[in-house]
């Protein structure tokens, strides 16, 4: 799970780095006037904001899915432990009954 968080963080960092580099390149290389460049940067910023919102929404969905899978895993292990505990209890009961029966036959 730590690997998933690390890779998600790397994707977000790469996205943000690309956004910053794109904005800088636009300012440096733009042959347009200052007002045109600013408008282009505003559009770019809005698009980047929308992309970040989508990414955050998907990250939330993945988080919820992984959380649900984790809960299912824990529940399945709890059930297996309960079953094993009950099987051990039943085996102990049978052994106790067997020993009790052997003791009553000897007397």
PDB file of N, CA and C in Angstrom:
ATOM      1  N   UNK A   1       0.813  -1.179   0.000  1.00  0.00           N
ATOM      2  CA  UNK A   1       0.000   0.000   0.000  1.00  0.00           C
ATOM      3  C   UNK A   1       0.869   1.261   0.000  1.00  0.00           C
ATOM      4  N   UNK A   2       1.995   1.203   0.698  1.00  0.00           N
ATOM      5  CA  UNK A   2       2.916   2.327   0.697  1.00  0.00           C
ATOM      6  C   UNK A   2       3.422   2.593  -0.705  1.00  0.00           C
ATOM      7  N   UNK A   3       3.620   1.544  -1.511  1.00  0.00           N
ATOM      8  CA  UNK A   3       4.073   1.712  -2.873  1.00  0.00           C
ATOM      9  C   UNK A   3       3.037   2.456  -3.698  1.00  0.00           C
ATOM     10  N   UNK A   4       1.753   2.164  -3.482  1.00  0.00           N
ATOM     11  CA  UNK A   4       0.686   2.845  -4.209  1.00  0.00           C
ATOM     12  C   UNK A   4       0.674   4.331  -3.885  1.00  0.00           C
ATOM     13  N   UNK A   5       0.856   4.656  -2.611  1.00  0.00           N
ATOM     14  CA  UNK A   5       0.873   6.065  -2.225  1.00  0.00           C
ATOM     15  C   UNK A   5       2.078   6.760  -2.826  1.00  0.00           C
ATOM     16  N   UNK A   6       3.233   6.081  -2.834  1.00  0.00           N
ATOM     17  CA  UNK A   6       4.437   6.670  -3.406  1.00  0.00           C
ATOM     18  C   UNK A   6       4.281   6.914  -4.887  1.00  0.00           C
ATOM     19  N   UNK A   7       3.706   5.982  -5.611  1.00  0.00           N
ATOM     20  CA  UNK A   7       3.537   6.158  -7.047  1.00  0.00           C
ATOM     21  C   UNK A   7       2.485   7.229  -7.329  1.00  0.00           C
ATOM     22  N   UNK A   8       1.443   7.319  -6.520  1.00  0.00           N
ATOM     23  CA  UNK A   8       0.437   8.369  -6.697  1.00  0.00           C
ATOM     24  C   UNK A   8       1.044   9.742  -6.462  1.00  0.00           C
ATOM     25  N   UNK A   9       1.868   9.841  -5.434  1.00  0.00           N
ATOM     26  CA  UNK A   9       2.535  11.110  -5.144  1.00  0.00           C
ATOM     27  C   UNK A   9       3.467  11.489  -6.297  1.00  0.00           C
ATOM     28  N   UNK A  10       4.146  10.501  -6.865  1.00  0.00           N
ATOM     29  CA  UNK A  10       5.042  10.767  -7.989  1.00  0.00           C
ATOM     30  C   UNK A  10       4.259  11.275  -9.195  1.00  0.00           C
ATOM     31  N   UNK A  11       3.086  10.707  -9.437  1.00  0.00           N
ATOM     32  CA  UNK A  11       2.259  11.153 -10.566  1.00  0.00           C
ATOM     33  C   UNK A  11       1.813  12.590 -10.350  1.00  0.00           C
ATOM     34  N   UNK A  12       1.356  12.903  -9.142  1.00  0.00           N
ATOM     35  CA  UNK A  12       0.912  14.266  -8.848  1.00  0.00           C
ATOM     36  C   UNK A  12       2.080  15.240  -8.975  1.00  0.00           C
ATOM     37  N   UNK A  13       3.250  14.862  -8.444  1.00  0.00           N
ATOM     38  CA  UNK A  13       4.427  15.725  -8.528  1.00  0.00           C
ATOM     39  C   UNK A  13       4.828  15.951  -9.983  1.00  0.00           C
ATOM     40  N   UNK A  14       4.798  14.892 -10.784  1.00  0.00           N
ATOM     41  CA  UNK A  14       5.135  15.029 -12.197  1.00  0.00           C
ATOM     42  C   UNK A  14       4.133  15.944 -12.902  1.00  0.00           C
ATOM     43  N   UNK A  15       2.859  15.789 -12.573  1.00  0.00           N
ATOM     44  CA  UNK A  15       1.830  16.628 -13.183  1.00  0.00           C
ATOM     45  C   UNK A  15       2.059  18.098 -12.824  1.00  0.00           C
ATOM     46  N   UNK A  16       2.277  18.372 -11.548  1.00  0.00           N
ATOM     47  CA  UNK A  16       2.487  19.756 -11.117  1.00  0.00           C
ATOM     48  C   UNK A  16       3.767  20.339 -11.716  1.00  0.00           C
ATOM     49  N   UNK A  17       4.818  19.525 -11.786  1.00  0.00           N
ATOM     50  CA  UNK A  17       6.063  19.992 -12.392  1.00  0.00           C
ATOM     51  C   UNK A  17       5.842  20.347 -13.849  1.00  0.00           C
ATOM     52  N   UNK A  18       5.108  19.510 -14.565  1.00  0.00           N
ATOM     53  CA  UNK A  18       4.797  19.793 -15.959  1.00  0.00           C
ATOM     54  C   UNK A  18       3.986  21.065 -16.115  1.00  0.00           C
ATOM     55  N   UNK A  19       3.048  21.262 -15.194  1.00  0.00           N
ATOM     56  CA  UNK A  19       2.226  22.474 -15.253  1.00  0.00           C
ATOM     57  C   UNK A  19       3.079  23.725 -15.067  1.00  0.00           C
ATOM     58  N   UNK A  20       3.982  23.687 -14.099  1.00  0.00           N
ATOM     59  CA  UNK A  20       4.848  24.849 -13.842  1.00  0.00           C
ATOM     60  C   UNK A  20       5.777  25.083 -15.022  1.00  0.00           C
ATOM     61  N   UNK A  21       6.398  24.017 -15.523  1.00  0.00           N
ATOM     62  CA  UNK A  21       7.303  24.167 -16.668  1.00  0.00           C
ATOM     63  C   UNK A  21       6.556  24.692 -17.893  1.00  0.00           C
ATOM     64  N   UNK A  22       5.336  24.217 -18.100  1.00  0.00           N
ATOM     65  CA  UNK A  22       4.538  24.711 -19.217  1.00  0.00           C
ATOM     66  C   UNK A  22       4.228  26.188 -19.087  1.00  0.00           C
ATOM     67  N   UNK A  23       3.892  26.606 -17.880  1.00  0.00           N
ATOM     68  CA  UNK A  23       3.584  28.022 -17.657  1.00  0.00           C
ATOM     69  C   UNK A  23       4.819  28.889 -17.893  1.00  0.00           C
ATOM     70  N   UNK A  24       5.969  28.451 -17.407  1.00  0.00           N
ATOM     71  CA  UNK A  24       7.209  29.212 -17.596  1.00  0.00           C
ATOM     72  C   UNK A  24       7.564  29.272 -19.075  1.00  0.00           C
ATOM     73  N   UNK A  25       7.469  28.135 -19.751  1.00  0.00           N
ATOM     74  CA  UNK A  25       7.784  28.111 -21.182  1.00  0.00           C
ATOM     75  C   UNK A  25       6.850  29.027 -21.953  1.00  0.00           C
ATOM     76  N   UNK A  26       5.596  29.061 -21.581  1.00  0.00           N
ATOM     77  CA  UNK A  26       4.629  29.923 -22.249  1.00  0.00           C
ATOM     78  C   UNK A  26       5.014  31.383 -22.088  1.00  0.00           C
ATOM     79  N   UNK A  27       5.406  31.775 -20.884  1.00  0.00           N
ATOM     80  CA  UNK A  27       5.795  33.168 -20.642  1.00  0.00           C
ATOM     81  C   UNK A  27       7.060  33.540 -21.405  1.00  0.00           C
ATOM     82  N   UNK A  28       8.036  32.660 -21.395  1.00  0.00           N
ATOM     83  CA  UNK A  28       9.325  32.961 -22.014  1.00  0.00           C
ATOM     84  C   UNK A  28       9.240  32.955 -23.536  1.00  0.00           C
ATOM     85  N   UNK A  29       8.521  32.003 -24.076  1.00  0.00           N
ATOM     86  CA  UNK A  29       8.533  31.815 -25.519  1.00  0.00           C
ATOM     87  C   UNK A  29       7.357  32.469 -26.254  1.00  0.00           C
ATOM     88  N   UNK A  30       6.435  33.037 -25.534  1.00  0.00           N
ATOM     89  CA  UNK A  30       5.215  33.570 -26.158  1.00  0.00           C
ATOM     90  C   UNK A  30       5.518  34.802 -27.003  1.00  0.00           C
ATOM     91  N   UNK A  31       5.112  34.783 -28.273  1.00  0.00           N
ATOM     92  CA  UNK A  31       5.291  35.966 -29.123  1.00  0.00           C
ATOM     93  C   UNK A  31       4.121  36.952 -28.978  1.00  0.00           C
ATOM     94  N   UNK A  32       3.154  36.623 -28.102  1.00  0.00           N
ATOM     95  CA  UNK A  32       1.977  37.466 -27.968  1.00  0.00           C
ATOM     96  C   UNK A  32       2.237  38.611 -26.994  1.00  0.00           C
ATOM     97  N   UNK A  33       1.275  39.505 -26.932  1.00  0.00           N
ATOM     98  CA  UNK A  33       1.354  40.626 -26.005  1.00  0.00           C
ATOM     99  C   UNK A  33       1.152  40.119 -24.577  1.00  0.00           C
ATOM    100  N   UNK A  34       1.427  40.959 -23.630  1.00  0.00           N
ATOM    101  CA  UNK A  34       1.283  40.597 -22.225  1.00  0.00           C
ATOM    102  C   UNK A  34      -0.135  40.193 -21.869  1.00  0.00           C
ATOM    103  N   UNK A  35      -1.142  40.912 -22.367  1.00  0.00           N
ATOM    104  CA  UNK A  35      -2.527  40.576 -22.022  1.00  0.00           C
ATOM    105  C   UNK A  35      -2.935  39.246 -22.650  1.00  0.00           C
ATOM    106  N   UNK A  36      -2.475  38.984 -23.872  1.00  0.00           N
ATOM    107  CA  UNK A  36      -2.769  37.700 -24.499  1.00  0.00           C
ATOM    108  C   UNK A  36      -2.104  36.562 -23.733  1.00  0.00           C
ATOM    109  N   UNK A  37      -0.874  36.786 -23.327  1.00  0.00           N
ATOM    110  CA  UNK A  37      -0.154  35.761 -22.552  1.00  0.00           C
ATOM    111  C   UNK A  37      -0.855  35.489 -21.228  1.00  0.00           C
ATOM    112  N   UNK A  38      -1.294  36.552 -20.566  1.00  0.00           N
ATOM    113  CA  UNK A  38      -1.993  36.368 -19.286  1.00  0.00           C
ATOM    114  C   UNK A  38      -3.291  35.591 -19.476  1.00  0.00           C
ATOM    115  N   UNK A  39      -4.024  35.901 -20.539  1.00  0.00           N
ATOM    116  CA  UNK A  39      -5.272  35.169 -20.809  1.00  0.00           C
ATOM    117  C   UNK A  39      -4.983  33.696 -21.104  1.00  0.00           C
ATOM    118  N   UNK A  40      -3.943  33.452 -21.866  1.00  0.00           N
ATOM    119  CA  UNK A  40      -3.565  32.074 -22.168  1.00  0.00           C
ATOM    120  C   UNK A  40      -3.175  31.340 -20.877  1.00  0.00           C
ATOM    121  N   UNK A  41      -2.451  32.015 -19.989  1.00  0.00           N
ATOM    122  CA  UNK A  41      -2.079  31.408 -18.706  1.00  0.00           C
ATOM    123  C   UNK A  41      -3.308  31.138 -17.846  1.00  0.00           C
ATOM    124  N   UNK A  42      -4.292  32.033 -17.866  1.00  0.00           N
ATOM    125  CA  UNK A  42      -5.526  31.801 -17.110  1.00  0.00           C
ATOM    126  C   UNK A  42      -6.237  30.550 -17.607  1.00  0.00           C
ATOM    127  N   UNK A  43      -6.327  30.405 -18.930  1.00  0.00           N
ATOM    128  CA  UNK A  43      -6.959  29.206 -19.496  1.00  0.00           C
ATOM    129  C   UNK A  43      -6.180  27.947 -19.099  1.00  0.00           C
ATOM    130  N   UNK A  44      -4.876  28.062 -19.179  1.00  0.00           N
ATOM    131  CA  UNK A  44      -4.035  26.924 -18.806  1.00  0.00           C
ATOM    132  C   UNK A  44      -4.225  26.574 -17.326  1.00  0.00           C
ATOM    133  N   UNK A  45      -4.296  27.587 -16.477  1.00  0.00           N
ATOM    134  CA  UNK A  45      -4.482  27.363 -15.038  1.00  0.00           C
ATOM    135  C   UNK A  45      -5.852  26.725 -14.766  1.00  0.00           C
ATOM    136  N   UNK A  46      -6.891  27.192 -15.469  1.00  0.00           N
ATOM    137  CA  UNK A  46      -8.217  26.585 -15.292  1.00  0.00           C
ATOM    138  C   UNK A  46      -8.213  25.122 -15.711  1.00  0.00           C
ATOM    139  N   UNK A  47      -7.553  24.855 -16.839  1.00  0.00           N
ATOM    140  CA  UNK A  47      -7.469  23.473 -17.324  1.00  0.00           C
ATOM    141  C   UNK A  47      -6.687  22.607 -16.320  1.00  0.00           C
ATOM    142  N   UNK A  48      -5.606  23.146 -15.792  1.00  0.00           N
ATOM    143  CA  UNK A  48      -4.814  22.409 -14.802  1.00  0.00           C
ATOM    144  C   UNK A  48      -5.635  22.169 -13.537  1.00  0.00           C
ATOM    145  N   UNK A  49      -6.413  23.163 -13.121  1.00  0.00           N
ATOM    146  CA  UNK A  49      -7.269  23.005 -11.945  1.00  0.00           C
ATOM    147  C   UNK A  49      -8.314  21.920 -12.171  1.00  0.00           C
ATOM    148  N   UNK A  50      -8.924  21.923 -13.335  1.00  0.00           N
ATOM    149  CA  UNK A  50      -9.912  20.879 -13.655  1.00  0.00           C
ATOM    150  C   UNK A  50      -9.265  19.497 -13.644  1.00  0.00           C
ATOM    151  N   UNK A  51      -8.067  19.403 -14.224  1.00  0.00           N
ATOM    152  CA  UNK A  51      -7.360  18.124 -14.239  1.00  0.00           C
ATOM    153  C   UNK A  51      -7.027  17.658 -12.824  1.00  0.00           C
ATOM    154  N   UNK A  52      -6.609  18.589 -11.970  1.00  0.00           N
ATOM    155  CA  UNK A  52      -6.304  18.231 -10.581  1.00  0.00           C
ATOM    156  C   UNK A  52      -7.552  17.767  -9.838  1.00  0.00           C
ATOM    157  N   UNK A  53      -8.670  18.411 -10.094  1.00  0.00           N
ATOM    158  CA  UNK A  53      -9.923  17.989  -9.454  1.00  0.00           C
ATOM    159  C   UNK A  53     -10.313  16.584  -9.887  1.00  0.00           C
ATOM    160  N   UNK A  54     -10.162  16.319 -11.196  1.00  0.00           N
ATOM    161  CA  UNK A  54     -10.445  14.962 -11.695  1.00  0.00           C
ATOM    162  C   UNK A  54      -9.519  13.943 -11.048  1.00  0.00           C
ATOM    163  N   UNK A  55      -8.247  14.287 -10.978  1.00  0.00           N
ATOM    164  CA  UNK A  55      -7.259  13.388 -10.374  1.00  0.00           C
ATOM    165  C   UNK A  55      -7.580  13.148  -8.904  1.00  0.00           C
ATOM    166  N   UNK A  56      -7.953  14.200  -8.194  1.00  0.00           N
ATOM    167  CA  UNK A  56      -8.304  14.052  -6.774  1.00  0.00           C
ATOM    168  C   UNK A  56      -9.554  13.188  -6.624  1.00  0.00           C
ATOM    169  N   UNK A  57     -10.516  13.358  -7.509  1.00  0.00           N
ATOM    170  CA  UNK A  57     -11.731  12.540  -7.460  1.00  0.00           C
ATOM    171  C   UNK A  57     -11.418  11.075  -7.689  1.00  0.00           C
ATOM    172  N   UNK A  58     -10.574  10.804  -8.678  1.00  0.00           N
ATOM    173  CA  UNK A  58     -10.186   9.415  -8.940  1.00  0.00           C
ATOM    174  C   UNK A  58      -9.396   8.837  -7.778  1.00  0.00           C
ATOM    175  N   UNK A  59      -8.527   9.645  -7.187  1.00  0.00           N
ATOM    176  CA  UNK A  59      -7.749   9.175  -6.038  1.00  0.00           C
ATOM    177  C   UNK A  59      -8.679   8.822  -4.883  1.00  0.00           C
ATOM    178  N   UNK A  60      -9.712   9.625  -4.679  1.00  0.00           N
ATOM    179  CA  UNK A  60     -10.689   9.326  -3.626  1.00  0.00           C
ATOM    180  C   UNK A  60     -11.431   8.034  -3.901  1.00  0.00           C
ATOM    181  N   UNK A  61     -11.782   7.808  -5.164  1.00  0.00           N
ATOM    182  CA  UNK A  61     -12.480   6.569  -5.520  1.00  0.00           C
ATOM    183  C   UNK A  61     -11.581   5.354  -5.284  1.00  0.00           C
ATOM    184  N   UNK A  62     -10.320   5.472  -5.688  1.00  0.00           N
ATOM    185  CA  UNK A  62      -9.373   4.370  -5.494  1.00  0.00           C
ATOM    186  C   UNK A  62      -9.171   4.115  -4.007  1.00  0.00           C
ATOM    187  N   UNK A  63      -9.071   5.183  -3.229  1.00  0.00           N
ATOM    188  CA  UNK A  63      -8.908   5.044  -1.777  1.00  0.00           C
ATOM    189  C   UNK A  63     -10.085   4.279  -1.176  1.00  0.00           C
ATOM    190  N   UNK A  64     -11.296   4.667  -1.560  1.00  0.00           N
ATOM    191  CA  UNK A  64     -12.485   3.990  -1.039  1.00  0.00           C
ATOM    192  C   UNK A  64     -12.507   2.520  -1.445  1.00  0.00           C
ATOM    193  N   UNK A  65     -12.097   2.236  -2.680  1.00  0.00           N
ATOM    194  CA  UNK A  65     -12.075   0.853  -3.152  1.00  0.00           C
ATOM    195  C   UNK A  65     -11.059   0.026  -2.363  1.00  0.00           C
ATOM    196  N   UNK A  66      -9.874   0.579  -2.181  1.00  0.00           N
ATOM    197  CA  UNK A  66      -8.828  -0.132  -1.432  1.00  0.00           C
ATOM    198  C   UNK A  66      -9.252  -0.316   0.023  1.00  0.00           C
ATOM    199  N   UNK A  67      -9.870   0.688   0.593  1.00  0.00           N
ATOM    200  CA  UNK A  67     -10.356   0.584   1.966  1.00  0.00           C
ATOM    201  C   UNK A  67     -11.393  -0.523   2.080  1.00  0.00           C
ATOM    202  N   UNK A  68     -12.305  -0.596   1.125  1.00  0.00           N
ATOM    203  CA  UNK A  68     -13.311  -1.665   1.124  1.00  0.00           C
ATOM    204  C   UNK A  68     -12.673  -3.032   0.995  1.00  0.00           C
ATOM    205  N   UNK A  69     -11.680  -3.154   0.123  1.00  0.00           N
ATOM    206  CA  UNK A  69     -10.986  -4.432  -0.032  1.00  0.00           C
ATOM    207  C   UNK A  69     -10.263  -4.816   1.256  1.00  0.00           C
ATOM    208  N   UNK A  70      -9.689  -3.833   1.919  1.00  0.00           N
ATOM    209  CA  UNK A  70      -9.007  -4.097   3.185  1.00  0.00           C
ATOM    210  C   UNK A  70      -9.981  -4.599   4.243  1.00  0.00           C
ATOM    211  N   UNK A  71     -11.144  -3.991   4.303  1.00  0.00           N
ATOM    212  CA  UNK A  71     -12.159  -4.435   5.263  1.00  0.00           C
ATOM    213  C   UNK A  71     -12.615  -5.852   4.960  1.00  0.00           C
ATOM    214  N   UNK A  72     -12.809  -6.157   3.670  1.00  0.00           N
ATOM    215  CA  UNK A  72     -13.203  -7.512   3.287  1.00  0.00           C
ATOM    216  C   UNK A  72     -12.124  -8.520   3.686  1.00  0.00           C
ATOM    217  N   UNK A  73     -10.861  -8.156   3.482  1.00  0.00           N
ATOM    218  CA  UNK A  73      -9.757  -9.043   3.829  1.00  0.00           C
ATOM    219  C   UNK A  73      -9.756  -9.322   5.330  1.00  0.00           C
ATOM    220  N   UNK A  74      -9.907  -8.277   6.126  1.00  0.00           N
ATOM    221  CA  UNK A  74      -9.922  -8.437   7.587  1.00  0.00           C
ATOM    222  C   UNK A  74     -11.094  -9.313   8.009  1.00  0.00           C
ATOM    223  N   UNK A  75     -12.261  -9.065   7.428  1.00  0.00           N
ATOM    224  CA  UNK A  75     -13.434  -9.865   7.774  1.00  0.00           C
ATOM    225  C   UNK A  75     -13.235 -11.333   7.401  1.00  0.00           C
ATOM    226  N   UNK A  76     -12.624 -11.592   6.254  1.00  0.00           N
ATOM    227  CA  UNK A  76     -12.403 -12.983   5.855  1.00  0.00           C
ATOM    228  C   UNK A  76     -11.428 -13.659   6.805  1.00  0.00           C
ATOM    229  N   UNK A  77     -10.428 -12.934   7.282  1.00  0.00           N
ATOM    230  CA  UNK A  77      -9.464 -13.506   8.233  1.00  0.00           C
ATOM    231  C   UNK A  77     -10.115 -13.719   9.597  1.00  0.00           C
ATOM    232  N   UNK A  78     -10.980 -12.813   9.999  1.00  0.00           N
ATOM    233  CA  UNK A  78     -11.689 -12.981  11.271  1.00  0.00           C
ATOM    234  C   UNK A  78     -12.551 -14.234  11.224  1.00  0.00           C
ATOM    235  N   UNK A  79     -13.215 -14.438  10.095  1.00  0.00           N
ATOM    236  CA  UNK A  79     -14.062 -15.613   9.939  1.00  0.00           C
ATOM    237  C   UNK A  79     -13.223 -16.885   9.994  1.00  0.00           C
ATOM    238  N   UNK A  80     -12.076 -16.881   9.328  1.00  0.00           N
ATOM    239  CA  UNK A  80     -11.198 -18.054   9.345  1.00  0.00           C
ATOM    240  C   UNK A  80     -10.692 -18.323  10.756  1.00  0.00           C
ATOM    241  N   UNK A  81     -10.339 -17.273  11.481  1.00  0.00           N
ATOM    242  CA  UNK A  81      -9.871 -17.449  12.867  1.00  0.00           C
ATOM    243  C   UNK A  81     -10.991 -17.984  13.754  1.00  0.00           C
ATOM    244  N   UNK A  82     -12.192 -17.467  13.578  1.00  0.00           N
ATOM    245  CA  UNK A  82     -13.327 -17.964  14.352  1.00  0.00           C
ATOM    246  C   UNK A  82     -13.562 -19.448  14.084  1.00  0.00           C
ATOM    247  N   UNK A  83     -13.522 -19.820  12.800  1.00  0.00           N
ATOM    248  CA  UNK A  83     -13.715 -21.218  12.431  1.00  0.00           C
ATOM    249  C   UNK A  83     -12.628 -22.104  13.044  1.00  0.00           C
ATOM    250  N   UNK A  84     -11.379 -21.651  12.982  1.00  0.00           N
ATOM    251  CA  UNK A  84     -10.272 -22.425  13.548  1.00  0.00           C
ATOM    252  C   UNK A  84     -10.428 -22.546  15.067  1.00  0.00           C
ATOM    253  N   UNK A  85     -10.833 -21.471  15.709  1.00  0.00           N
ATOM    254  CA  UNK A  85     -11.029 -21.490  17.153  1.00  0.00           C
ATOM    255  C   UNK A  85     -12.127 -22.493  17.529  1.00  0.00           C
ATOM    256  N   UNK A  86     -13.218 -22.457  16.792  1.00  0.00           N
ATOM    257  CA  UNK A  86     -14.319 -23.389  17.063  1.00  0.00           C
ATOM    258  C   UNK A  86     -13.900 -24.830  16.802  1.00  0.00           C
ATOM    259  N   UNK A  87     -13.119 -25.063  15.754  1.00  0.00           N
ATOM    260  CA  UNK A  87     -12.632 -26.419  15.470  1.00  0.00           C
ATOM    261  C   UNK A  87     -11.727 -26.898  16.600  1.00  0.00           C
ATOM    262  N   UNK A  88     -10.868 -26.031  17.098  1.00  0.00           N
ATOM    263  CA  UNK A  88     -10.002 -26.388  18.228  1.00  0.00           C
ATOM    264  C   UNK A  88     -10.815 -26.667  19.484  1.00  0.00           C
ATOM    265  N   UNK A  89     -11.809 -25.862  19.732  1.00  0.00           N
ATOM    266  CA  UNK A  89     -12.669 -26.070  20.895  1.00  0.00           C
ATOM    267  C   UNK A  89     -13.390 -27.418  20.803  1.00  0.00           C
ATOM    268  N   UNK A  90     -13.883 -27.735  19.592  1.00  0.00           N
ATOM    269  CA  UNK A  90     -14.587 -29.008  19.397  1.00  0.00           C
ATOM    270  C   UNK A  90     -13.627 -30.188  19.557  1.00  0.00           C
ATOM    271  N   UNK A  91     -12.418 -30.071  19.040  1.00  0.00           N
ATOM    272  CA  UNK A  91     -11.422 -31.144  19.186  1.00  0.00           C
ATOM    273  C   UNK A  91     -11.076 -31.344  20.657  1.00  0.00           C
ATOM    274  N   UNK A  92     -10.947 -30.263  21.411  1.00  0.00           N
ATOM    275  CA  UNK A  92     -10.651 -30.359  22.830  1.00  0.00           C
ATOM    276  C   UNK A  92     -11.810 -31.038  23.568  1.00  0.00           C
ATOM    277  N   UNK A  93     -13.014 -30.692  23.209  1.00  0.00           N
ATOM    278  CA  UNK A  93     -14.189 -31.298  23.833  1.00  0.00           C
ATOM    279  C   UNK A  93     -14.235 -32.809  23.553  1.00  0.00           C
ATOM    280  N   UNK A  94     -13.969 -33.176  22.304  1.00  0.00           N
ATOM    281  CA  UNK A  94     -13.974 -34.598  21.943  1.00  0.00           C
ATOM    282  C   UNK A  94     -12.880 -35.357  22.694  1.00  0.00           C
ATOM    283  N   UNK A  95     -11.700 -34.768  22.805  1.00  0.00           N
ATOM    284  CA  UNK A  95     -10.602 -35.425  23.524  1.00  0.00           C
ATOM    285  C   UNK A  95     -10.940 -35.553  25.002  1.00  0.00           C
ATOM    286  N   UNK A  96     -11.527 -34.536  25.578  1.00  0.00           N
ATOM    287  CA  UNK A  96     -11.913 -34.589  26.988  1.00  0.00           C
ATOM    288  C   UNK A  96     -12.956 -35.698  27.201  1.00  0.00           C
ATOM    289  N   UNK A  97     -13.928 -35.773  26.297  1.00  0.00           N
ATOM    290  CA  UNK A  97     -14.948 -36.825  26.397  1.00  0.00           C
ATOM    291  C   UNK A  97     -14.322 -38.205  26.248  1.00  0.00           C
ATOM    292  N   UNK A  98     -13.367 -38.346  25.316  1.00  0.00           N
ATOM    293  CA  UNK A  98     -12.699 -39.627  25.112  1.00  0.00           C
ATOM    294  C   UNK A  98     -11.926 -40.024  26.359  1.00  0.00           C
ATOM    295  N   UNK A  99     -11.197 -39.090  26.934  1.00  0.00           N
ATOM    296  CA  UNK A  99     -10.439 -39.395  28.153  1.00  0.00           C
ATOM    297  C   UNK A  99     -11.377 -39.721  29.317  1.00  0.00           C
ATOM    298  N   UNK A 100     -12.481 -39.016  29.388  1.00  0.00           N
ATOM    299  CA  UNK A 100     -13.454 -39.274  30.448  1.00  0.00           C
ATOM    300  C   UNK A 100     -14.050 -40.675  30.286  1.00  0.00           C
ATOM    301  N   UNK A 101     -14.378 -41.038  29.025  1.00  0.00           N
ATOM    302  CA  UNK A 101     -14.930 -42.371  28.764  1.00  0.00           C
ATOM    303  C   UNK A 101     -13.914 -43.469  29.089  1.00  0.00           C
ATOM    304  N   UNK A 102     -12.651 -43.260  28.746  1.00  0.00           N
ATOM    305  CA  UNK A 102     -11.607 -44.245  29.067  1.00  0.00           C
ATOM    306  C   UNK A 102     -11.455 -44.392  30.576  1.00  0.00           C
ATOM    307  N   UNK A 103     -11.509 -43.292  31.287  1.00  0.00           N
ATOM    308  CA  UNK A 103     -11.371 -43.329  32.735  1.00  0.00           C
ATOM    309  C   UNK A 103     -12.532 -44.028  33.386  1.00  0.00           C
ATOM    310  N   UNK A 104     -13.733 -43.882  32.881  1.00  0.00           N
ATOM    311  CA  UNK A 104     -14.901 -44.525  33.488  1.00  0.00           C
ATOM    312  C   UNK A 104     -14.937 -46.008  33.160  1.00  0.00           C
ATOM    313  N   UNK A 105     -14.336 -46.442  32.035  1.00  0.00           N
ATOM    314  CA  UNK A 105     -14.267 -47.875  31.683  1.00  0.00           C
ATOM    315  C   UNK A 105     -13.245 -48.595  32.547  1.00  0.00           C
ATOM    316  N   UNK A 106     -12.185 -47.905  32.961  1.00  0.00           N
ATOM    317  CA  UNK A 106     -11.135 -48.515  33.762  1.00  0.00           C
ATOM    318  C   UNK A 106     -11.589 -48.693  35.209  1.00  0.00           C
ATOM    319  N   UNK A 107     -12.480 -47.872  35.667  1.00  0.00           N
ATOM    320  CA  UNK A 107     -12.883 -47.933  37.075  1.00  0.00           C
ATOM    321  C   UNK A 107     -13.840 -49.003  37.372  1.00  0.00           C
TER     322      UNK A 107
END
